Amino acid sequence: MPTRPAPTERQKRLGAELRKMRLAAGQTTEYAAGLLRLDRTKVSNMESGIRATTPERIRILAGNYDCADEAYIEALVAMADLRKRGWWAHFKGILPQGLLDVAELEWFASRLRSYQTVHIPGLLQLGEYARAVFGAVLPALPQSEVEVRVLQRMQRQQVLDRDNPVDYIAYIHEWALHMRFGGRRATREQLLHLCESSERDNIEVCVLTVDAGAFPGAGHAVLYADGAVPQLDTVQLDSAHGGEFTHAEAQLAKYRTHMEWWRAHTLGPQESRDLIHGIAHEL
């Protein structure tokens, strides 16, 4: 199989899991190369995500690494399925790869949880509100790129509307509800849309009030995506220079604790809707 000049986060994650499985078995790349009848460089490239692999090769490696976790193995096999490209691939070469990686992460997650402290979560944004968010980026983006980013953000939301919609829990700091991206009218429409969305069976919105005081996370936005199995959970962190992805067990444990904290300290769904409605009607 040909090499990839720029593997996606999902492709890199599959490679990382194959490497982790090999190291857990105490085996070398030479051993894996012998099993697959490949040279050592190709195995190294496979473990970095640069080279694709196949379901058959994954099962060969797992069997010889004495991995008995069938659910985990099948989840890795699914990650190697190259039969169909995701909708986000249409934006390849047009938008930064990180934006595509977030869409792919959301699409394959079994559950999504996030917390936001400055603005409404992207999966629940309206177009005008999203346009104002992207319009505030420095250095300023060309209007044409803003529009493409808005389009891609709106298409990301199909993960909540498809036949098997993902479950999504959005924790939002009260202060984010007062930020007027796009002005008073756009913010009011956005808040009412947020309330309406929160009444759907697969979406839960919980607000952390200002009275709650200090909170963990240093104010940055966090997305926690549950994988097909717990070993494949992923955290995506927003930063000024783009999104960062982590799946180290220590980091996953840390952000699971964060999500539990937000669950324990936020208002319930109905109380949150009441608060959001109140803020919207004051605009």
Protein backbone atom coordinates (compact mmCIF):
# COMPACT_ATOMS: atom_id res chain seq x y z
CA MET A 1 0.00 0.00 0.00
CA PRO A 2 1.29 3.53 -0.78
CA THR A 3 2.44 5.85 1.98
CA ARG A 4 0.41 8.88 3.07
CA PRO A 5 2.19 12.26 3.19
CA ALA A 6 -0.19 13.56 5.87
CA PRO A 7 -2.13 10.91 7.82
CA THR A 8 -5.28 11.95 9.67
CA GLU A 9 -5.54 11.77 13.45
CA ARG A 10 -7.63 8.62 13.14
CA GLN A 11 -5.00 6.98 10.93
CA LYS A 12 -2.24 7.99 13.33
CA ARG A 13 -4.29 6.67 16.23
CA LEU A 14 -4.67 3.26 14.61
CA GLY A 15 -0.92 3.10 14.11
CA ALA A 16 -0.29 4.15 17.70
CA GLU A 17 -2.60 1.40 18.96
CA LEU A 18 -0.76 -1.22 16.89
CA ARG A 19 2.52 -0.03 18.35
CA LYS A 20 1.09 -0.07 21.87
CA MET A 21 -0.18 -3.62 21.37
CA ARG A 22 3.23 -4.73 20.09
CA LEU A 23 5.11 -3.18 23.00
CA ALA A 24 2.66 -4.70 25.49
CA ALA A 25 3.55 -8.08 24.00
CA GLY A 26 7.26 -7.33 24.32
CA GLN A 27 7.84 -7.75 20.60
CA THR A 28 9.99 -5.87 18.08
CA THR A 29 9.24 -4.34 14.69
CA GLU A 30 11.40 -7.09 13.18
CA TYR A 31 9.04 -9.67 14.70
CA ALA A 32 5.98 -7.86 13.28
CA ALA A 33 7.67 -7.52 9.89
CA GLY A 34 8.27 -11.26 9.83
CA LEU A 35 4.64 -11.99 10.61
CA LEU A 36 3.39 -9.73 7.83
CA ARG A 37 6.21 -10.52 5.38
CA LEU A 38 7.10 -6.85 5.16
CA ASP A 39 10.33 -5.01 5.75
CA ARG A 40 10.87 -3.26 9.07
CA THR A 41 10.47 0.25 7.59
CA LYS A 42 6.97 -0.54 6.35
CA VAL A 43 5.95 -1.75 9.81
CA SER A 44 7.33 1.45 11.36
CA ASN A 45 5.40 3.50 8.81
CA MET A 46 2.26 1.51 9.57
CA GLU A 47 2.65 2.24 13.28
CA SER A 48 3.01 5.97 12.58
CA GLY A 49 -0.06 6.05 10.33
CA ILE A 50 1.95 6.89 7.24
CA ARG A 51 1.18 3.51 5.67
CA ALA A 52 -2.27 1.94 5.62
CA THR A 53 -2.93 -1.52 6.94
CA THR A 54 -5.68 -4.09 6.44
CA PRO A 55 -8.14 -5.89 8.72
CA GLU A 56 -6.36 -9.16 7.99
CA ARG A 57 -2.99 -7.78 9.10
CA ILE A 58 -4.49 -6.37 12.28
CA ARG A 59 -5.93 -9.77 13.18
CA ILE A 60 -2.59 -11.47 12.44
CA LEU A 61 -0.76 -9.05 14.69
CA ALA A 62 -3.34 -9.22 17.48
CA GLY A 63 -3.30 -13.01 17.45
CA ASN A 64 0.47 -13.19 17.65
CA TYR A 65 0.62 -10.44 20.28
CA ASP A 66 -1.72 -12.58 22.43
CA CYS A 67 -4.35 -9.84 22.54
CA ALA A 68 -7.59 -11.51 23.62
CA ASP A 69 -9.80 -8.39 23.73
CA GLU A 70 -12.11 -9.11 20.79
CA ALA A 71 -14.06 -5.85 21.10
CA TYR A 72 -10.82 -3.86 20.96
CA ILE A 73 -9.51 -5.85 17.99
CA GLU A 74 -12.75 -5.37 16.05
CA ALA A 75 -12.67 -1.65 16.80
CA LEU A 76 -9.16 -1.48 15.31
CA VAL A 77 -10.33 -3.48 12.29
CA ALA A 78 -13.13 -0.95 11.76
CA MET A 79 -10.57 1.88 11.85
CA ALA A 80 -8.71 0.22 8.98
CA ASP A 81 -11.79 0.06 6.75
CA LEU A 82 -10.94 2.19 3.70
CA ARG A 83 -14.00 1.40 1.58
CA LYS A 84 -15.72 4.77 1.99
CA ARG A 85 -14.43 8.29 2.52
CA GLY A 86 -16.19 10.53 5.03
CA TRP A 87 -18.00 13.69 3.97
CA TRP A 88 -15.23 15.79 5.56
CA ALA A 89 -12.78 14.57 2.89
CA HIS A 90 -14.41 17.01 0.47
CA PHE A 91 -12.74 19.82 2.43
CA LYS A 92 -9.25 18.30 2.21
CA GLY A 93 -6.77 20.84 0.89
CA ILE A 94 -9.30 23.63 1.46
CA LEU A 95 -9.41 23.77 5.26
CA PRO A 96 -6.73 22.97 7.87
CA GLN A 97 -6.45 19.24 8.52
CA GLY A 98 -7.27 19.78 12.20
CA LEU A 99 -10.82 20.86 11.34
CA LEU A 100 -11.31 17.70 9.30
CA ASP A 101 -9.87 15.58 12.10
CA VAL A 102 -12.43 16.98 14.57
CA ALA A 103 -15.28 16.11 12.19
CA GLU A 104 -13.93 12.57 11.78
CA LEU A 105 -13.49 12.18 15.54
CA GLU A 106 -17.10 13.25 16.15
CA TRP A 107 -18.45 10.99 13.42
CA PHE A 108 -16.98 7.81 14.85
CA ALA A 109 -17.52 8.59 18.54
CA SER A 110 -20.00 6.55 20.56
CA ARG A 111 -20.66 9.58 22.79
CA LEU A 112 -19.52 13.20 22.89
CA ARG A 113 -19.04 15.46 25.89
CA SER A 114 -17.64 18.98 25.83
CA TYR A 115 -17.30 22.06 27.95
CA GLN A 116 -17.13 25.62 26.67
CA THR A 117 -16.45 28.80 28.61
CA VAL A 118 -16.50 31.51 25.92
CA HIS A 119 -19.02 30.58 23.23
CA ILE A 120 -21.72 28.07 22.31
CA PRO A 121 -20.36 24.65 21.22
CA GLY A 122 -19.78 24.38 17.49
CA LEU A 123 -22.13 21.40 17.13
CA LEU A 124 -25.00 23.60 18.35
CA GLN A 125 -24.15 26.85 16.57
CA LEU A 126 -26.27 28.63 13.98
CA GLY A 127 -24.61 29.90 10.82
CA GLU A 128 -24.66 33.60 11.72
CA TYR A 129 -23.20 32.92 15.16
CA ALA A 130 -20.48 30.65 13.70
CA ARG A 131 -19.68 33.32 11.12
CA ALA A 132 -19.06 35.82 13.92
CA VAL A 133 -16.82 33.35 15.77
CA PHE A 134 -14.65 32.74 12.72
CA GLY A 135 -14.74 36.43 11.87
CA ALA A 136 -13.00 37.21 15.16
CA VAL A 137 -9.93 35.10 14.30
CA LEU A 138 -6.59 36.95 14.17
CA PRO A 139 -4.94 37.37 11.80
CA ALA A 140 -8.21 37.88 9.98
CA LEU A 141 -9.36 35.18 7.61
CA PRO A 142 -10.49 36.02 4.06
CA GLN A 143 -14.28 36.12 3.90
CA SER A 144 -14.25 33.21 1.47
CA GLU A 145 -12.45 31.02 4.04
CA VAL A 146 -14.83 32.14 6.79
CA GLU A 147 -17.73 30.95 4.66
CA VAL A 148 -16.11 27.58 3.98
CA ARG A 149 -15.46 27.12 7.70
CA VAL A 150 -19.07 27.96 8.48
CA LEU A 151 -20.25 25.46 5.86
CA GLN A 152 -18.05 22.72 7.30
CA ARG A 153 -19.23 23.51 10.83
CA MET A 154 -22.86 23.24 9.76
CA GLN A 155 -22.15 19.91 8.07
CA ARG A 156 -20.49 18.61 11.23
CA GLN A 157 -23.87 18.86 12.92
CA GLN A 158 -25.26 15.98 10.87
CA VAL A 159 -23.68 13.68 13.46
CA LEU A 160 -26.56 14.76 15.71
CA ASP A 161 -29.22 14.30 13.00
CA ARG A 162 -28.28 11.07 11.23
CA ASP A 163 -30.25 7.83 11.59
CA ASN A 164 -28.07 6.76 14.54
CA PRO A 165 -27.34 10.15 16.14
CA VAL A 166 -24.53 10.38 18.62
CA ASP A 167 -25.38 11.26 22.23
CA TYR A 168 -24.00 14.68 23.11
CA ILE A 169 -23.65 16.37 26.51
CA ALA A 170 -22.65 20.04 26.31
CA TYR A 171 -21.47 21.79 29.46
CA ILE A 172 -21.45 25.56 29.03
CA HIS A 173 -20.33 28.29 31.40
CA GLU A 174 -22.98 30.93 32.01
CA TRP A 175 -20.62 33.63 30.83
CA ALA A 176 -20.60 32.12 27.33
CA LEU A 177 -24.36 32.74 27.14
CA HIS A 178 -23.77 36.48 27.52
CA MET A 179 -21.09 36.78 24.81
CA ARG A 180 -22.76 38.53 21.86
CA PHE A 181 -21.12 36.94 18.83
CA GLY A 182 -22.85 38.51 15.85
CA GLY A 183 -24.71 41.06 17.96
CA ARG A 184 -27.82 41.09 20.11
CA ARG A 185 -30.25 39.55 17.59
CA ALA A 186 -27.89 36.76 16.48
CA THR A 187 -27.12 35.89 20.09
CA ARG A 188 -30.81 35.76 21.02
CA GLU A 189 -31.57 33.45 18.07
CA GLN A 190 -28.59 31.31 19.02
CA LEU A 191 -29.74 30.94 22.62
CA LEU A 192 -33.26 30.01 21.60
CA HIS A 193 -31.83 27.45 19.18
CA LEU A 194 -29.69 26.07 22.00
CA CYS A 195 -32.79 25.60 24.15
CA GLU A 196 -34.67 23.91 21.33
CA SER A 197 -31.75 21.59 20.60
CA SER A 198 -31.45 20.63 24.27
CA GLU A 199 -34.95 19.14 24.20
CA ARG A 200 -33.91 16.45 21.74
CA ASP A 201 -33.43 12.96 23.15
CA ASN A 202 -29.72 12.73 22.23
CA ILE A 203 -28.66 16.22 23.34
CA GLU A 204 -28.23 17.50 26.88
CA VAL A 205 -27.15 21.05 27.73
CA CYS A 206 -26.04 21.88 31.28
CA VAL A 207 -24.97 25.34 32.42
CA LEU A 208 -22.33 26.16 35.00
CA THR A 209 -23.49 29.35 36.73
CA VAL A 210 -21.12 32.14 37.68
CA ASP A 211 -22.04 31.43 41.31
CA ALA A 212 -20.21 28.11 41.03
CA GLY A 213 -16.95 30.02 41.20
CA ALA A 214 -13.67 28.50 40.05
CA PHE A 215 -13.66 25.58 37.63
CA PRO A 216 -11.02 23.21 36.20
CA GLY A 217 -9.57 23.46 32.74
CA ALA A 218 -7.97 26.93 32.62
CA GLY A 219 -10.79 28.21 30.45
CA HIS A 220 -9.98 26.31 27.25
CA ALA A 221 -12.60 24.30 25.37
CA VAL A 222 -12.47 20.51 25.68
CA LEU A 223 -14.13 17.76 23.64
CA TYR A 224 -14.13 14.23 25.07
CA ALA A 225 -15.04 11.61 22.48
CA ASP A 226 -15.85 8.10 23.68
CA GLY A 227 -14.48 5.53 21.27
CA ALA A 228 -16.02 2.22 20.26
CA VAL A 229 -14.18 0.81 23.28
CA PRO A 230 -12.76 2.78 26.25
CA GLN A 231 -9.17 2.26 25.07
CA LEU A 232 -9.98 4.35 22.00
CA ASP A 233 -11.33 7.44 23.80
CA THR A 234 -9.83 10.73 22.59
CA VAL A 235 -9.64 14.27 23.94
CA GLN A 236 -9.47 17.30 21.67
CA LEU A 237 -8.33 20.60 23.15
CA ASP A 238 -8.84 24.00 21.53
CA SER A 239 -5.93 26.42 21.56
CA ALA A 240 -4.93 29.63 19.80
CA HIS A 241 -2.77 27.70 17.31
CA GLY A 242 -5.35 25.00 16.55
CA GLY A 243 -6.77 21.83 18.01
CA GLU A 244 -4.66 19.32 19.91
CA PHE A 245 -5.52 15.63 20.28
CA THR A 246 -4.48 13.39 23.13
CA HIS A 247 -5.17 9.79 24.06
CA ALA A 248 -2.52 9.09 26.68
CA GLU A 249 -4.19 7.21 29.52
CA ALA A 250 -3.11 9.77 32.13
CA GLN A 251 -4.68 12.57 30.07
CA LEU A 252 -7.86 10.59 29.43
CA ALA A 253 -8.19 9.95 33.18
CA LYS A 254 -7.64 13.65 33.87
CA TYR A 255 -10.34 14.80 31.47
CA ARG A 256 -12.78 12.11 32.55
CA THR A 257 -12.41 13.63 36.01
CA HIS A 258 -13.05 17.07 34.50
CA MET A 259 -16.25 15.87 32.88
CA GLU A 260 -17.40 14.33 36.13
CA TRP A 261 -16.72 17.66 37.87
CA TRP A 262 -18.82 19.56 35.33
CA ARG A 263 -21.61 17.01 35.67
CA ALA A 264 -21.64 17.45 39.44
CA HIS A 265 -21.55 21.27 39.44
CA THR A 266 -23.77 22.32 36.53
CA LEU A 267 -27.52 22.90 36.55
CA GLY A 268 -29.76 20.13 35.31
CA PRO A 269 -31.17 20.24 31.76
CA GLN A 270 -34.47 21.92 32.65
CA GLU A 271 -32.90 24.47 34.99
CA SER A 272 -30.34 25.18 32.29
CA ARG A 273 -33.06 25.76 29.70
CA ASP A 274 -34.85 28.12 32.05
CA LEU A 275 -31.66 30.12 32.58
CA ILE A 276 -30.88 30.27 28.86
CA HIS A 277 -34.45 31.35 28.05
CA GLY A 278 -34.20 34.10 30.66
CA ILE A 279 -30.95 35.44 29.19
CA ALA A 280 -32.34 35.26 25.64
CA HIS A 281 -35.47 37.24 26.51
CA GLU A 282 -33.37 39.97 28.10
CA LEU A 283 -31.66 40.64 24.76
